């Protein structure tokens, strides 16, 4: 469990590890709000996430809506197994870019 934030000049990457559930969302919410406040493109790196629940989906959707209002983008990279299945079941892949790597996600949000 945990997350790291990498603030590149033109965008930020938040990488989660373990489960992206309500406990993790509570710990990360303030940091995500700060990233949204910056208005820069945001990449959610889920390559080390084994499980995601509705709280995790809600965090991603919230960031997407808030950054879209600022004319910025959100992308997801590295999702597999259960997280990828749930993200696709909620059809988020229709609204934001999904990629295998952070580099591809940077291209998707227009900062590469």
PDB file of N, CA and C in Angstrom:
ATOM      1  N   UNK A   1       0.826  -1.171   0.000  1.00  0.00           N
ATOM      2  CA  UNK A   1       0.000   0.000   0.000  1.00  0.00           C
ATOM      3  C   UNK A   1       0.876   1.241   0.000  1.00  0.00           C
ATOM      4  N   UNK A   2       0.459   2.231  -0.751  1.00  0.00           N
ATOM      5  CA  UNK A   2       1.191   3.472  -0.787  1.00  0.00           C
ATOM      6  C   UNK A   2       1.157   4.086  -2.164  1.00  0.00           C
ATOM      7  N   UNK A   3       1.740   5.269  -2.247  1.00  0.00           N
ATOM      8  CA  UNK A   3       1.802   5.955  -3.528  1.00  0.00           C
ATOM      9  C   UNK A   3       2.996   6.898  -3.533  1.00  0.00           C
ATOM     10  N   UNK A   4       3.454   7.193  -4.729  1.00  0.00           N
ATOM     11  CA  UNK A   4       4.512   8.172  -4.921  1.00  0.00           C
ATOM     12  C   UNK A   4       4.050   9.164  -5.978  1.00  0.00           C
ATOM     13  N   UNK A   5       4.594  10.352  -5.904  1.00  0.00           N
ATOM     14  CA  UNK A   5       4.255  11.383  -6.872  1.00  0.00           C
ATOM     15  C   UNK A   5       5.536  11.875  -7.519  1.00  0.00           C
ATOM     16  N   UNK A   6       5.523  11.922  -8.835  1.00  0.00           N
ATOM     17  CA  UNK A   6       6.639  12.450  -9.607  1.00  0.00           C
ATOM     18  C   UNK A   6       6.117  13.673 -10.355  1.00  0.00           C
ATOM     19  N   UNK A   7       6.605  14.835  -9.973  1.00  0.00           N
ATOM     20  CA  UNK A   7       6.179  16.066 -10.625  1.00  0.00           C
ATOM     21  C   UNK A   7       7.200  16.454 -11.675  1.00  0.00           C
ATOM     22  N   UNK A   8       6.877  16.151 -12.909  1.00  0.00           N
ATOM     23  CA  UNK A   8       7.695  16.623 -14.018  1.00  0.00           C
ATOM     24  C   UNK A   8       7.263  18.056 -14.293  1.00  0.00           C
ATOM     25  N   UNK A   9       8.014  18.769 -15.061  1.00  0.00           N
ATOM     26  CA  UNK A   9       7.680  20.168 -15.298  1.00  0.00           C
ATOM     27  C   UNK A   9       6.302  20.386 -15.891  1.00  0.00           C
ATOM     28  N   UNK A  10       5.928  19.550 -16.836  1.00  0.00           N
ATOM     29  CA  UNK A  10       4.691  19.785 -17.574  1.00  0.00           C
ATOM     30  C   UNK A  10       3.525  18.897 -17.147  1.00  0.00           C
ATOM     31  N   UNK A  11       3.777  17.928 -16.273  1.00  0.00           N
ATOM     32  CA  UNK A  11       2.730  16.992 -15.847  1.00  0.00           C
ATOM     33  C   UNK A  11       3.155  16.322 -14.542  1.00  0.00           C
ATOM     34  N   UNK A  12       2.257  15.537 -13.983  1.00  0.00           N
ATOM     35  CA  UNK A  12       2.573  14.769 -12.774  1.00  0.00           C
ATOM     36  C   UNK A  12       2.153  13.319 -12.974  1.00  0.00           C
ATOM     37  N   UNK A  13       2.876  12.425 -12.299  1.00  0.00           N
ATOM     38  CA  UNK A  13       2.538  11.008 -12.301  1.00  0.00           C
ATOM     39  C   UNK A  13       2.339  10.590 -10.850  1.00  0.00           C
ATOM     40  N   UNK A  14       1.194   9.996 -10.560  1.00  0.00           N
ATOM     41  CA  UNK A  14       0.958   9.432  -9.236  1.00  0.00           C
ATOM     42  C   UNK A  14       0.897   7.914  -9.414  1.00  0.00           C
ATOM     43  N   UNK A  15       1.810   7.239  -8.752  1.00  0.00           N
ATOM     44  CA  UNK A  15       1.933   5.781  -8.875  1.00  0.00           C
ATOM     45  C   UNK A  15       1.465   5.128  -7.579  1.00  0.00           C
ATOM     46  N   UNK A  16       0.466   4.285  -7.690  1.00  0.00           N
ATOM     47  CA  UNK A  16      -0.063   3.567  -6.539  1.00  0.00           C
ATOM     48  C   UNK A  16       0.520   2.163  -6.486  1.00  0.00           C
ATOM     49  N   UNK A  17       0.524   1.606  -5.284  1.00  0.00           N
ATOM     50  CA  UNK A  17       1.048   0.255  -5.086  1.00  0.00           C
ATOM     51  C   UNK A  17       0.091  -0.514  -4.179  1.00  0.00           C
ATOM     52  N   UNK A  18      -0.173  -1.768  -4.515  1.00  0.00           N
ATOM     53  CA  UNK A  18      -1.054  -2.605  -3.698  1.00  0.00           C
ATOM     54  C   UNK A  18      -2.497  -2.414  -4.086  1.00  0.00           C
ATOM     55  N   UNK A  19      -3.337  -2.072  -3.116  1.00  0.00           N
ATOM     56  CA  UNK A  19      -4.764  -1.884  -3.361  1.00  0.00           C
ATOM     57  C   UNK A  19      -5.098  -0.404  -3.442  1.00  0.00           C
ATOM     58  N   UNK A  20      -5.906  -0.044  -4.413  1.00  0.00           N
ATOM     59  CA  UNK A  20      -6.429   1.317  -4.513  1.00  0.00           C
ATOM     60  C   UNK A  20      -7.877   1.255  -4.037  1.00  0.00           C
ATOM     61  N   UNK A  21      -8.010   1.274  -2.704  1.00  0.00           N
ATOM     62  CA  UNK A  21      -9.310   1.132  -2.064  1.00  0.00           C
ATOM     63  C   UNK A  21      -9.602   2.360  -1.215  1.00  0.00           C
ATOM     64  N   UNK A  22     -10.663   2.316  -0.433  1.00  0.00           N
ATOM     65  CA  UNK A  22     -11.084   3.502   0.319  1.00  0.00           C
ATOM     66  C   UNK A  22     -10.002   4.000   1.278  1.00  0.00           C
ATOM     67  N   UNK A  23      -9.272   3.110   1.915  1.00  0.00           N
ATOM     68  CA  UNK A  23      -8.210   3.532   2.836  1.00  0.00           C
ATOM     69  C   UNK A  23      -7.115   4.284   2.082  1.00  0.00           C
ATOM     70  N   UNK A  24      -6.728   3.760   0.946  1.00  0.00           N
ATOM     71  CA  UNK A  24      -5.677   4.399   0.143  1.00  0.00           C
ATOM     72  C   UNK A  24      -6.161   5.739  -0.417  1.00  0.00           C
ATOM     73  N   UNK A  25      -7.415   5.772  -0.854  1.00  0.00           N
ATOM     74  CA  UNK A  25      -7.976   7.006  -1.404  1.00  0.00           C
ATOM     75  C   UNK A  25      -7.996   8.090  -0.335  1.00  0.00           C
ATOM     76  N   UNK A  26      -8.353   7.741   0.889  1.00  0.00           N
ATOM     77  CA  UNK A  26      -8.351   8.724   1.975  1.00  0.00           C
ATOM     78  C   UNK A  26      -6.961   9.309   2.191  1.00  0.00           C
ATOM     79  N   UNK A  27      -5.947   8.457   2.112  1.00  0.00           N
ATOM     80  CA  UNK A  27      -4.570   8.946   2.295  1.00  0.00           C
ATOM     81  C   UNK A  27      -4.110   9.811   1.122  1.00  0.00           C
ATOM     82  N   UNK A  28      -4.570   9.502  -0.082  1.00  0.00           N
ATOM     83  CA  UNK A  28      -4.080  10.183  -1.278  1.00  0.00           C
ATOM     84  C   UNK A  28      -4.916  11.389  -1.683  1.00  0.00           C
ATOM     85  N   UNK A  29      -6.130  11.506  -1.168  1.00  0.00           N
ATOM     86  CA  UNK A  29      -7.053  12.534  -1.649  1.00  0.00           C
ATOM     87  C   UNK A  29      -6.450  13.946  -1.602  1.00  0.00           C
ATOM     88  N   UNK A  30      -5.830  14.327  -0.520  1.00  0.00           N
ATOM     89  CA  UNK A  30      -5.253  15.663  -0.407  1.00  0.00           C
ATOM     90  C   UNK A  30      -4.182  15.922  -1.450  1.00  0.00           C
ATOM     91  N   UNK A  31      -3.347  14.932  -1.675  1.00  0.00           N
ATOM     92  CA  UNK A  31      -2.283  15.061  -2.684  1.00  0.00           C
ATOM     93  C   UNK A  31      -2.877  15.178  -4.086  1.00  0.00           C
ATOM     94  N   UNK A  32      -3.891  14.376  -4.365  1.00  0.00           N
ATOM     95  CA  UNK A  32      -4.533  14.433  -5.681  1.00  0.00           C
ATOM     96  C   UNK A  32      -5.208  15.789  -5.870  1.00  0.00           C
ATOM     97  N   UNK A  33      -5.857  16.304  -4.831  1.00  0.00           N
ATOM     98  CA  UNK A  33      -6.477  17.629  -4.921  1.00  0.00           C
ATOM     99  C   UNK A  33      -5.431  18.695  -5.223  1.00  0.00           C
ATOM    100  N   UNK A  34      -4.261  18.592  -4.606  1.00  0.00           N
ATOM    101  CA  UNK A  34      -3.182  19.547  -4.873  1.00  0.00           C
ATOM    102  C   UNK A  34      -2.720  19.451  -6.330  1.00  0.00           C
ATOM    103  N   UNK A  35      -2.616  18.229  -6.841  1.00  0.00           N
ATOM    104  CA  UNK A  35      -2.223  18.044  -8.240  1.00  0.00           C
ATOM    105  C   UNK A  35      -3.275  18.625  -9.177  1.00  0.00           C
ATOM    106  N   UNK A  36      -4.546  18.409  -8.853  1.00  0.00           N
ATOM    107  CA  UNK A  36      -5.632  18.975  -9.653  1.00  0.00           C
ATOM    108  C   UNK A  36      -5.534  20.501  -9.633  1.00  0.00           C
ATOM    109  N   UNK A  37      -5.240  21.049  -8.473  1.00  0.00           N
ATOM    110  CA  UNK A  37      -5.119  22.500  -8.342  1.00  0.00           C
ATOM    111  C   UNK A  37      -4.055  23.093  -9.243  1.00  0.00           C
ATOM    112  N   UNK A  38      -3.014  22.318  -9.530  1.00  0.00           N
ATOM    113  CA  UNK A  38      -1.960  22.792 -10.422  1.00  0.00           C
ATOM    114  C   UNK A  38      -2.441  22.858 -11.866  1.00  0.00           C
ATOM    115  N   UNK A  39      -3.454  22.072 -12.186  1.00  0.00           N
ATOM    116  CA  UNK A  39      -4.028  22.106 -13.527  1.00  0.00           C
ATOM    117  C   UNK A  39      -3.219  21.436 -14.611  1.00  0.00           C
ATOM    118  N   UNK A  40      -2.169  20.746 -14.241  1.00  0.00           N
ATOM    119  CA  UNK A  40      -1.321  20.064 -15.220  1.00  0.00           C
ATOM    120  C   UNK A  40      -1.888  18.680 -15.532  1.00  0.00           C
ATOM    121  N   UNK A  41      -1.555  18.119 -16.700  1.00  0.00           N
ATOM    122  CA  UNK A  41      -1.970  16.746 -16.993  1.00  0.00           C
ATOM    123  C   UNK A  41      -1.495  15.794 -15.895  1.00  0.00           C
ATOM    124  N   UNK A  42      -2.297  14.774 -15.660  1.00  0.00           N
ATOM    125  CA  UNK A  42      -2.029  13.825 -14.581  1.00  0.00           C
ATOM    126  C   UNK A  42      -2.092  12.403 -15.110  1.00  0.00           C
ATOM    127  N   UNK A  43      -1.071  11.618 -14.778  1.00  0.00           N
ATOM    128  CA  UNK A  43      -1.021  10.208 -15.144  1.00  0.00           C
ATOM    129  C   UNK A  43      -1.159   9.381 -13.877  1.00  0.00           C
ATOM    130  N   UNK A  44      -2.128   8.471 -13.881  1.00  0.00           N
ATOM    131  CA  UNK A  44      -2.277   7.494 -12.804  1.00  0.00           C
ATOM    132  C   UNK A  44      -1.537   6.238 -13.232  1.00  0.00           C
ATOM    133  N   UNK A  45      -0.438   5.920 -12.561  1.00  0.00           N
ATOM    134  CA  UNK A  45       0.330   4.707 -12.845  1.00  0.00           C
ATOM    135  C   UNK A  45      -0.196   3.605 -11.933  1.00  0.00           C
ATOM    136  N   UNK A  46      -0.864   2.630 -12.538  1.00  0.00           N
ATOM    137  CA  UNK A  46      -1.472   1.536 -11.784  1.00  0.00           C
ATOM    138  C   UNK A  46      -0.735   0.219 -12.007  1.00  0.00           C
ATOM    139  N   UNK A  47       0.504   0.285 -12.460  1.00  0.00           N
ATOM    140  CA  UNK A  47       1.249  -0.936 -12.784  1.00  0.00           C
ATOM    141  C   UNK A  47       1.497  -1.819 -11.567  1.00  0.00           C
ATOM    142  N   UNK A  48       1.500  -1.258 -10.363  1.00  0.00           N
ATOM    143  CA  UNK A  48       1.724  -2.053  -9.152  1.00  0.00           C
ATOM    144  C   UNK A  48       0.440  -2.214  -8.327  1.00  0.00           C
ATOM    145  N   UNK A  49      -0.703  -1.919  -8.938  1.00  0.00           N
ATOM    146  CA  UNK A  49      -1.988  -2.049  -8.246  1.00  0.00           C
ATOM    147  C   UNK A  49      -2.581  -3.417  -8.541  1.00  0.00           C
ATOM    148  N   UNK A  50      -2.914  -4.130  -7.475  1.00  0.00           N
ATOM    149  CA  UNK A  50      -3.488  -5.471  -7.609  1.00  0.00           C
ATOM    150  C   UNK A  50      -5.004  -5.463  -7.543  1.00  0.00           C
ATOM    151  N   UNK A  51      -5.581  -4.446  -6.879  1.00  0.00           N
ATOM    152  CA  UNK A  51      -7.027  -4.389  -6.679  1.00  0.00           C
ATOM    153  C   UNK A  51      -7.468  -2.931  -6.642  1.00  0.00           C
ATOM    154  N   UNK A  52      -8.592  -2.644  -7.263  1.00  0.00           N
ATOM    155  CA  UNK A  52      -9.179  -1.317  -7.201  1.00  0.00           C
ATOM    156  C   UNK A  52     -10.665  -1.480  -6.905  1.00  0.00           C
ATOM    157  N   UNK A  53     -11.205  -0.586  -6.065  1.00  0.00           N
ATOM    158  CA  UNK A  53     -12.639  -0.638  -5.778  1.00  0.00           C
ATOM    159  C   UNK A  53     -13.290   0.665  -6.230  1.00  0.00           C
ATOM    160  N   UNK A  54     -14.557   0.849  -5.874  1.00  0.00           N
ATOM    161  CA  UNK A  54     -15.296   2.022  -6.333  1.00  0.00           C
ATOM    162  C   UNK A  54     -14.679   3.329  -5.832  1.00  0.00           C
ATOM    163  N   UNK A  55     -14.022   3.307  -4.683  1.00  0.00           N
ATOM    164  CA  UNK A  55     -13.363   4.509  -4.180  1.00  0.00           C
ATOM    165  C   UNK A  55     -12.220   4.921  -5.102  1.00  0.00           C
ATOM    166  N   UNK A  56     -11.445   3.948  -5.551  1.00  0.00           N
ATOM    167  CA  UNK A  56     -10.354   4.227  -6.480  1.00  0.00           C
ATOM    168  C   UNK A  56     -10.871   4.740  -7.812  1.00  0.00           C
ATOM    169  N   UNK A  57     -11.945   4.120  -8.304  1.00  0.00           N
ATOM    170  CA  UNK A  57     -12.568   4.589  -9.544  1.00  0.00           C
ATOM    171  C   UNK A  57     -13.051   6.026  -9.357  1.00  0.00           C
ATOM    172  N   UNK A  58     -13.670   6.282  -8.204  1.00  0.00           N
ATOM    173  CA  UNK A  58     -14.177   7.625  -7.925  1.00  0.00           C
ATOM    174  C   UNK A  58     -13.077   8.677  -7.911  1.00  0.00           C
ATOM    175  N   UNK A  59     -11.926   8.344  -7.356  1.00  0.00           N
ATOM    176  CA  UNK A  59     -10.794   9.273  -7.332  1.00  0.00           C
ATOM    177  C   UNK A  59     -10.338   9.613  -8.744  1.00  0.00           C
ATOM    178  N   UNK A  60     -10.235   8.607  -9.579  1.00  0.00           N
ATOM    179  CA  UNK A  60      -9.799   8.821 -10.961  1.00  0.00           C
ATOM    180  C   UNK A  60     -10.835   9.649 -11.717  1.00  0.00           C
ATOM    181  N   UNK A  61     -12.115   9.323 -11.553  1.00  0.00           N
ATOM    182  CA  UNK A  61     -13.177  10.074 -12.227  1.00  0.00           C
ATOM    183  C   UNK A  61     -13.190  11.526 -11.752  1.00  0.00           C
ATOM    184  N   UNK A  62     -13.030  11.728 -10.453  1.00  0.00           N
ATOM    185  CA  UNK A  62     -12.985  13.093  -9.917  1.00  0.00           C
ATOM    186  C   UNK A  62     -11.842  13.884 -10.556  1.00  0.00           C
ATOM    187  N   UNK A  63     -10.669  13.297 -10.626  1.00  0.00           N
ATOM    188  CA  UNK A  63      -9.523  13.983 -11.243  1.00  0.00           C
ATOM    189  C   UNK A  63      -9.801  14.276 -12.710  1.00  0.00           C
ATOM    190  N   UNK A  64     -10.389  13.308 -13.405  1.00  0.00           N
ATOM    191  CA  UNK A  64     -10.707  13.493 -14.823  1.00  0.00           C
ATOM    192  C   UNK A  64     -11.658  14.675 -15.018  1.00  0.00           C
ATOM    193  N   UNK A  65     -12.729  14.711 -14.227  1.00  0.00           N
ATOM    194  CA  UNK A  65     -13.722  15.784 -14.380  1.00  0.00           C
ATOM    195  C   UNK A  65     -13.121  17.153 -14.036  1.00  0.00           C
ATOM    196  N   UNK A  66     -12.388  17.195 -12.934  1.00  0.00           N
ATOM    197  CA  UNK A  66     -11.814  18.471 -12.494  1.00  0.00           C
ATOM    198  C   UNK A  66     -10.774  18.984 -13.476  1.00  0.00           C
ATOM    199  N   UNK A  67      -9.925  18.101 -13.973  1.00  0.00           N
ATOM    200  CA  UNK A  67      -8.894  18.535 -14.912  1.00  0.00           C
ATOM    201  C   UNK A  67      -9.482  18.821 -16.289  1.00  0.00           C
ATOM    202  N   UNK A  68     -10.521  18.107 -16.688  1.00  0.00           N
ATOM    203  CA  UNK A  68     -11.189  18.412 -17.958  1.00  0.00           C
ATOM    204  C   UNK A  68     -11.762  19.825 -17.934  1.00  0.00           C
ATOM    205  N   UNK A  69     -12.303  20.221 -16.786  1.00  0.00           N
ATOM    206  CA  UNK A  69     -12.844  21.571 -16.644  1.00  0.00           C
ATOM    207  C   UNK A  69     -11.746  22.622 -16.789  1.00  0.00           C
ATOM    208  N   UNK A  70     -10.506  22.227 -16.517  1.00  0.00           N
ATOM    209  CA  UNK A  70      -9.357  23.128 -16.656  1.00  0.00           C
ATOM    210  C   UNK A  70      -8.661  22.940 -18.003  1.00  0.00           C
ATOM    211  N   UNK A  71      -9.308  22.175 -18.888  1.00  0.00           N
ATOM    212  CA  UNK A  71      -8.765  21.857 -20.213  1.00  0.00           C
ATOM    213  C   UNK A  71      -7.444  21.097 -20.128  1.00  0.00           C
ATOM    214  N   UNK A  72      -7.365  20.226 -19.142  1.00  0.00           N
ATOM    215  CA  UNK A  72      -6.199  19.374 -18.975  1.00  0.00           C
ATOM    216  C   UNK A  72      -6.639  17.917 -19.107  1.00  0.00           C
ATOM    217  N   UNK A  73      -5.688  17.004 -19.126  1.00  0.00           N
ATOM    218  CA  UNK A  73      -6.003  15.604 -19.398  1.00  0.00           C
ATOM    219  C   UNK A  73      -5.535  14.685 -18.284  1.00  0.00           C
ATOM    220  N   UNK A  74      -6.161  13.502 -18.257  1.00  0.00           N
ATOM    221  CA  UNK A  74      -5.793  12.426 -17.344  1.00  0.00           C
ATOM    222  C   UNK A  74      -5.583  11.171 -18.180  1.00  0.00           C
ATOM    223  N   UNK A  75      -4.563  10.403 -17.831  1.00  0.00           N
ATOM    224  CA  UNK A  75      -4.319   9.117 -18.485  1.00  0.00           C
ATOM    225  C   UNK A  75      -4.017   8.077 -17.413  1.00  0.00           C
ATOM    226  N   UNK A  76      -4.222   6.824 -17.788  1.00  0.00           N
ATOM    227  CA  UNK A  76      -3.935   5.699 -16.902  1.00  0.00           C
ATOM    228  C   UNK A  76      -2.926   4.811 -17.603  1.00  0.00           C
ATOM    229  N   UNK A  77      -1.903   4.385 -16.860  1.00  0.00           N
ATOM    230  CA  UNK A  77      -0.940   3.470 -17.459  1.00  0.00           C
ATOM    231  C   UNK A  77      -0.715   2.264 -16.554  1.00  0.00           C
ATOM    232  N   UNK A  78      -0.356   1.168 -17.185  1.00  0.00           N
ATOM    233  CA  UNK A  78       0.069  -0.021 -16.468  1.00  0.00           C
ATOM    234  C   UNK A  78      -1.019  -0.859 -15.837  1.00  0.00           C
ATOM    235  N   UNK A  79      -2.277  -0.511 -16.011  1.00  0.00           N
ATOM    236  CA  UNK A  79      -3.348  -1.287 -15.386  1.00  0.00           C
ATOM    237  C   UNK A  79      -3.437  -2.675 -16.010  1.00  0.00           C
ATOM    238  N   UNK A  80      -3.618  -3.684 -15.167  1.00  0.00           N
ATOM    239  CA  UNK A  80      -3.789  -5.055 -15.650  1.00  0.00           C
ATOM    240  C   UNK A  80      -4.703  -5.807 -14.693  1.00  0.00           C
ATOM    241  N   UNK A  81      -5.069  -7.007 -15.072  1.00  0.00           N
ATOM    242  CA  UNK A  81      -5.881  -7.900 -14.250  1.00  0.00           C
ATOM    243  C   UNK A  81      -7.150  -7.204 -13.746  1.00  0.00           C
ATOM    244  N   UNK A  82      -7.455  -7.342 -12.471  1.00  0.00           N
ATOM    245  CA  UNK A  82      -8.703  -6.829 -11.917  1.00  0.00           C
ATOM    246  C   UNK A  82      -8.862  -5.320 -12.110  1.00  0.00           C
ATOM    247  N   UNK A  83      -7.827  -4.500 -11.858  1.00  0.00           N
ATOM    248  CA  UNK A  83      -8.016  -3.063 -12.083  1.00  0.00           C
ATOM    249  C   UNK A  83      -8.398  -2.734 -13.529  1.00  0.00           C
ATOM    250  N   UNK A  84      -7.727  -3.358 -14.489  1.00  0.00           N
ATOM    251  CA  UNK A  84      -8.026  -3.089 -15.891  1.00  0.00           C
ATOM    252  C   UNK A  84      -9.439  -3.544 -16.239  1.00  0.00           C
ATOM    253  N   UNK A  85      -9.823  -4.715 -15.758  1.00  0.00           N
ATOM    254  CA  UNK A  85     -11.171  -5.223 -16.026  1.00  0.00           C
ATOM    255  C   UNK A  85     -12.230  -4.263 -15.490  1.00  0.00           C
ATOM    256  N   UNK A  86     -12.056  -3.776 -14.263  1.00  0.00           N
ATOM    257  CA  UNK A  86     -13.038  -2.872 -13.669  1.00  0.00           C
ATOM    258  C   UNK A  86     -13.051  -1.520 -14.372  1.00  0.00           C
ATOM    259  N   UNK A  87     -11.888  -0.995 -14.704  1.00  0.00           N
ATOM    260  CA  UNK A  87     -11.827   0.281 -15.406  1.00  0.00           C
ATOM    261  C   UNK A  87     -12.524   0.189 -16.766  1.00  0.00           C
ATOM    262  N   UNK A  88     -12.345  -0.911 -17.455  1.00  0.00           N
ATOM    263  CA  UNK A  88     -13.014  -1.090 -18.746  1.00  0.00           C
ATOM    264  C   UNK A  88     -14.503  -1.350 -18.569  1.00  0.00           C
ATOM    265  N   UNK A  89     -14.881  -2.060 -17.512  1.00  0.00           N
ATOM    266  CA  UNK A  89     -16.304  -2.314 -17.252  1.00  0.00           C
ATOM    267  C   UNK A  89     -17.051  -1.009 -16.998  1.00  0.00           C
ATOM    268  N   UNK A  90     -16.369  -0.033 -16.407  1.00  0.00           N
ATOM    269  CA  UNK A  90     -16.979   1.272 -16.162  1.00  0.00           C
ATOM    270  C   UNK A  90     -16.845   2.192 -17.380  1.00  0.00           C
ATOM    271  N   UNK A  91     -16.246   1.688 -18.433  1.00  0.00           N
ATOM    272  CA  UNK A  91     -16.064   2.377 -19.714  1.00  0.00           C
ATOM    273  C   UNK A  91     -15.219   3.644 -19.615  1.00  0.00           C
ATOM    274  N   UNK A  92     -14.339   3.688 -18.631  1.00  0.00           N
ATOM    275  CA  UNK A  92     -13.456   4.847 -18.531  1.00  0.00           C
ATOM    276  C   UNK A  92     -12.491   4.933 -19.699  1.00  0.00           C
ATOM    277  N   UNK A  93     -12.222   3.795 -20.340  1.00  0.00           N
ATOM    278  CA  UNK A  93     -11.320   3.803 -21.491  1.00  0.00           C
ATOM    279  C   UNK A  93     -11.923   4.563 -22.679  1.00  0.00           C
ATOM    280  N   UNK A  94     -13.200   4.898 -22.611  1.00  0.00           N
ATOM    281  CA  UNK A  94     -13.829   5.704 -23.658  1.00  0.00           C
ATOM    282  C   UNK A  94     -13.551   7.198 -23.459  1.00  0.00           C
ATOM    283  N   UNK A  95     -13.156   7.587 -22.238  1.00  0.00           N
ATOM    284  CA  UNK A  95     -13.003   8.997 -21.918  1.00  0.00           C
ATOM    285  C   UNK A  95     -11.570   9.439 -21.674  1.00  0.00           C
ATOM    286  N   UNK A  96     -10.719   8.500 -21.306  1.00  0.00           N
ATOM    287  CA  UNK A  96      -9.321   8.858 -21.045  1.00  0.00           C
ATOM    288  C   UNK A  96      -8.409   7.800 -21.649  1.00  0.00           C
ATOM    289  N   UNK A  97      -7.184   8.195 -21.873  1.00  0.00           N
ATOM    290  CA  UNK A  97      -6.222   7.298 -22.512  1.00  0.00           C
ATOM    291  C   UNK A  97      -5.724   6.233 -21.532  1.00  0.00           C
ATOM    292  N   UNK A  98      -5.637   5.021 -22.030  1.00  0.00           N
ATOM    293  CA  UNK A  98      -5.040   3.906 -21.305  1.00  0.00           C
ATOM    294  C   UNK A  98      -3.787   3.506 -22.073  1.00  0.00           C
ATOM    295  N   UNK A  99      -2.708   3.263 -21.357  1.00  0.00           N
ATOM    296  CA  UNK A  99      -1.472   2.855 -22.017  1.00  0.00           C
ATOM    297  C   UNK A  99      -0.731   1.851 -21.145  1.00  0.00           C
ATOM    298  N   UNK A 100       0.283   1.248 -21.735  1.00  0.00           N
ATOM    299  CA  UNK A 100       1.077   0.264 -21.008  1.00  0.00           C
ATOM    300  C   UNK A 100       2.178   0.898 -20.171  1.00  0.00           C
ATOM    301  N   UNK A 101       2.673   2.053 -20.601  1.00  0.00           N
ATOM    302  CA  UNK A 101       3.820   2.650 -19.912  1.00  0.00           C
ATOM    303  C   UNK A 101       3.589   4.139 -19.644  1.00  0.00           C
ATOM    304  N   UNK A 102       4.330   4.695 -18.673  1.00  0.00           N
ATOM    305  CA  UNK A 102       4.233   6.130 -18.422  1.00  0.00           C
ATOM    306  C   UNK A 102       4.609   6.970 -19.645  1.00  0.00           C
ATOM    307  N   UNK A 103       5.561   6.491 -20.429  1.00  0.00           N
ATOM    308  CA  UNK A 103       5.958   7.227 -21.635  1.00  0.00           C
ATOM    309  C   UNK A 103       4.816   7.355 -22.622  1.00  0.00           C
ATOM    310  N   UNK A 104       4.089   6.263 -22.834  1.00  0.00           N
ATOM    311  CA  UNK A 104       2.928   6.311 -23.726  1.00  0.00           C
ATOM    312  C   UNK A 104       1.837   7.206 -23.140  1.00  0.00           C
ATOM    313  N   UNK A 105       1.693   7.192 -21.824  1.00  0.00           N
ATOM    314  CA  UNK A 105       0.682   8.038 -21.174  1.00  0.00           C
ATOM    315  C   UNK A 105       1.037   9.509 -21.341  1.00  0.00           C
ATOM    316  N   UNK A 106       2.321   9.845 -21.251  1.00  0.00           N
ATOM    317  CA  UNK A 106       2.734  11.236 -21.462  1.00  0.00           C
ATOM    318  C   UNK A 106       2.353  11.708 -22.866  1.00  0.00           C
ATOM    319  N   UNK A 107       2.545  10.840 -23.839  1.00  0.00           N
ATOM    320  CA  UNK A 107       2.144  11.183 -25.213  1.00  0.00           C
ATOM    321  C   UNK A 107       0.631  11.413 -25.266  1.00  0.00           C
ATOM    322  N   UNK A 108      -0.124  10.548 -24.585  1.00  0.00           N
ATOM    323  CA  UNK A 108      -1.584  10.642 -24.600  1.00  0.00           C
ATOM    324  C   UNK A 108      -2.091  11.946 -23.996  1.00  0.00           C
ATOM    325  N   UNK A 109      -1.399  12.462 -22.992  1.00  0.00           N
ATOM    326  CA  UNK A 109      -1.835  13.711 -22.375  1.00  0.00           C
ATOM    327  C   UNK A 109      -1.167  14.923 -23.012  1.00  0.00           C
ATOM    328  N   UNK A 110      -0.347  14.672 -24.032  1.00  0.00           N
ATOM    329  CA  UNK A 110       0.228  15.764 -24.821  1.00  0.00           C
ATOM    330  C   UNK A 110       1.458  16.420 -24.240  1.00  0.00           C
ATOM    331  N   UNK A 111       2.241  15.692 -23.456  1.00  0.00           N
ATOM    332  CA  UNK A 111       3.423  16.317 -22.862  1.00  0.00           C
ATOM    333  C   UNK A 111       4.736  15.645 -23.268  1.00  0.00           C
ATOM    334  N   UNK A 112       4.692  14.681 -24.146  1.00  0.00           N
ATOM    335  CA  UNK A 112       5.933  14.001 -24.527  1.00  0.00           C
ATOM    336  C   UNK A 112       6.574  14.651 -25.722  1.00  0.00           C
TER     337      UNK A 112
END
